[in-house]
N, C-alpha and C. Protein backbone atom coordinates (compact mmCIF):
# COMPACT_ATOMS: atom_id res chain seq x y z
N GLU A 1 -3.54 9.47 13.38
CA GLU A 1 -4.41 8.69 12.52
C GLU A 1 -4.14 9.00 11.05
N ILE A 2 -4.03 10.26 10.71
CA ILE A 2 -3.75 10.64 9.32
C ILE A 2 -2.42 10.05 8.86
N TYR A 3 -1.43 10.09 9.75
CA TYR A 3 -0.11 9.54 9.42
C TYR A 3 -0.21 8.05 9.12
N LYS A 4 -0.96 7.32 9.91
CA LYS A 4 -1.10 5.87 9.71
C LYS A 4 -1.81 5.55 8.40
N GLN A 5 -2.71 6.42 7.96
CA GLN A 5 -3.48 6.18 6.74
C GLN A 5 -2.72 6.57 5.48
N SER A 6 -1.66 7.35 5.62
CA SER A 6 -0.91 7.79 4.44
C SER A 6 -0.09 6.64 3.87
N LYS A 7 0.10 6.65 2.56
CA LYS A 7 0.85 5.59 1.90
C LYS A 7 2.34 5.91 1.93
N PRO A 8 3.17 4.89 2.20
CA PRO A 8 4.63 5.13 2.21
C PRO A 8 5.14 5.55 0.83
N PHE A 9 6.18 6.38 0.83
CA PHE A 9 6.82 6.84 -0.40
C PHE A 9 8.32 6.74 -0.20
N ASN A 10 9.00 5.97 -1.03
CA ASN A 10 10.45 5.77 -0.91
C ASN A 10 10.85 5.31 0.49
N GLY A 11 10.07 4.42 1.07
CA GLY A 11 10.41 3.87 2.37
C GLY A 11 10.04 4.73 3.55
N GLY A 12 9.32 5.83 3.34
CA GLY A 12 8.96 6.70 4.45
C GLY A 12 7.65 7.40 4.17
N ARG A 13 7.26 8.25 5.09
CA ARG A 13 6.03 9.02 4.94
C ARG A 13 6.35 10.48 5.19
N TRP A 14 5.62 11.34 4.52
CA TRP A 14 5.80 12.79 4.69
C TRP A 14 4.91 13.27 5.81
N LEU A 15 5.46 14.17 6.62
CA LEU A 15 4.70 14.78 7.70
C LEU A 15 4.86 16.28 7.59
N MET A 16 3.78 16.98 7.32
CA MET A 16 3.82 18.43 7.19
C MET A 16 3.44 19.05 8.53
N ILE A 17 4.28 19.96 9.01
CA ILE A 17 4.06 20.59 10.31
C ILE A 17 4.04 22.10 10.11
N ASP A 18 3.00 22.74 10.60
CA ASP A 18 2.85 24.19 10.50
C ASP A 18 3.60 24.83 11.66
N VAL A 19 4.79 25.35 11.39
CA VAL A 19 5.65 25.93 12.44
C VAL A 19 5.35 27.42 12.55
N LYS A 20 4.74 27.81 13.66
CA LYS A 20 4.35 29.20 13.86
C LYS A 20 5.04 29.87 15.03
N THR A 21 5.70 29.07 15.87
CA THR A 21 6.36 29.64 17.05
C THR A 21 7.74 29.01 17.22
N PRO A 22 8.63 29.69 17.93
CA PRO A 22 9.95 29.09 18.21
C PRO A 22 9.84 27.79 19.00
N GLU A 23 8.83 27.67 19.85
CA GLU A 23 8.65 26.45 20.63
C GLU A 23 8.32 25.27 19.72
N ILE A 24 7.45 25.50 18.74
CA ILE A 24 7.12 24.43 17.80
C ILE A 24 8.36 24.07 16.98
N LEU A 25 9.15 25.05 16.58
CA LEU A 25 10.37 24.78 15.84
C LEU A 25 11.31 23.90 16.65
N ASN A 26 11.46 24.18 17.93
CA ASN A 26 12.32 23.36 18.78
C ASN A 26 11.79 21.93 18.89
N ASP A 27 10.47 21.78 18.97
CA ASP A 27 9.88 20.44 19.01
C ASP A 27 10.17 19.68 17.72
N VAL A 28 10.06 20.36 16.59
CA VAL A 28 10.32 19.74 15.30
C VAL A 28 11.79 19.31 15.21
N LYS A 29 12.68 20.15 15.68
CA LYS A 29 14.11 19.80 15.67
C LYS A 29 14.37 18.55 16.50
N GLU A 30 13.69 18.43 17.63
CA GLU A 30 13.85 17.23 18.46
C GLU A 30 13.34 15.99 17.72
N LEU A 31 12.23 16.13 17.01
CA LEU A 31 11.71 15.00 16.24
C LEU A 31 12.69 14.58 15.15
N ILE A 32 13.31 15.56 14.49
CA ILE A 32 14.28 15.26 13.44
C ILE A 32 15.48 14.52 14.03
N CYS A 33 15.91 14.91 15.21
CA CYS A 33 17.05 14.24 15.85
C CYS A 33 16.73 12.79 16.20
N ILE A 34 15.48 12.49 16.43
CA ILE A 34 15.09 11.10 16.69
C ILE A 34 15.33 10.26 15.43
N ARG A 35 15.06 10.85 14.28
CA ARG A 35 15.14 10.13 13.01
C ARG A 35 16.56 10.12 12.43
N THR A 36 17.32 11.18 12.63
CA THR A 36 18.65 11.29 12.04
C THR A 36 19.68 11.65 13.09
N LYS A 37 20.94 11.41 12.77
CA LYS A 37 22.02 11.82 13.66
C LYS A 37 22.32 13.30 13.42
N PRO A 38 22.47 14.10 14.46
CA PRO A 38 22.84 15.51 14.28
C PRO A 38 24.23 15.64 13.66
N ILE A 39 24.48 16.73 12.96
CA ILE A 39 25.80 16.99 12.37
C ILE A 39 26.82 17.04 13.50
N GLY A 40 27.94 16.37 13.29
CA GLY A 40 28.99 16.35 14.29
C GLY A 40 28.81 15.24 15.32
N PHE A 41 27.78 14.43 15.18
CA PHE A 41 27.54 13.33 16.10
C PHE A 41 28.62 12.27 15.92
N LYS A 42 29.23 11.87 17.01
CA LYS A 42 30.26 10.83 16.96
C LYS A 42 29.90 9.73 17.95
N ARG A 43 29.89 8.52 17.47
CA ARG A 43 29.60 7.38 18.34
C ARG A 43 30.93 6.76 18.76
N TYR A 44 31.15 6.61 20.05
CA TYR A 44 32.42 6.07 20.56
C TYR A 44 32.29 4.62 20.93
């Protein structure tokens, strides 16, 4: 809900995540991969 109410900035929205455990860090990395291509990604 908070994300939906935030105003876009430069075509996107900021999402602040409080990373306190390695598990949360892994979840955040997965979310980033949804948005961007990982380094070394090659599409055939």
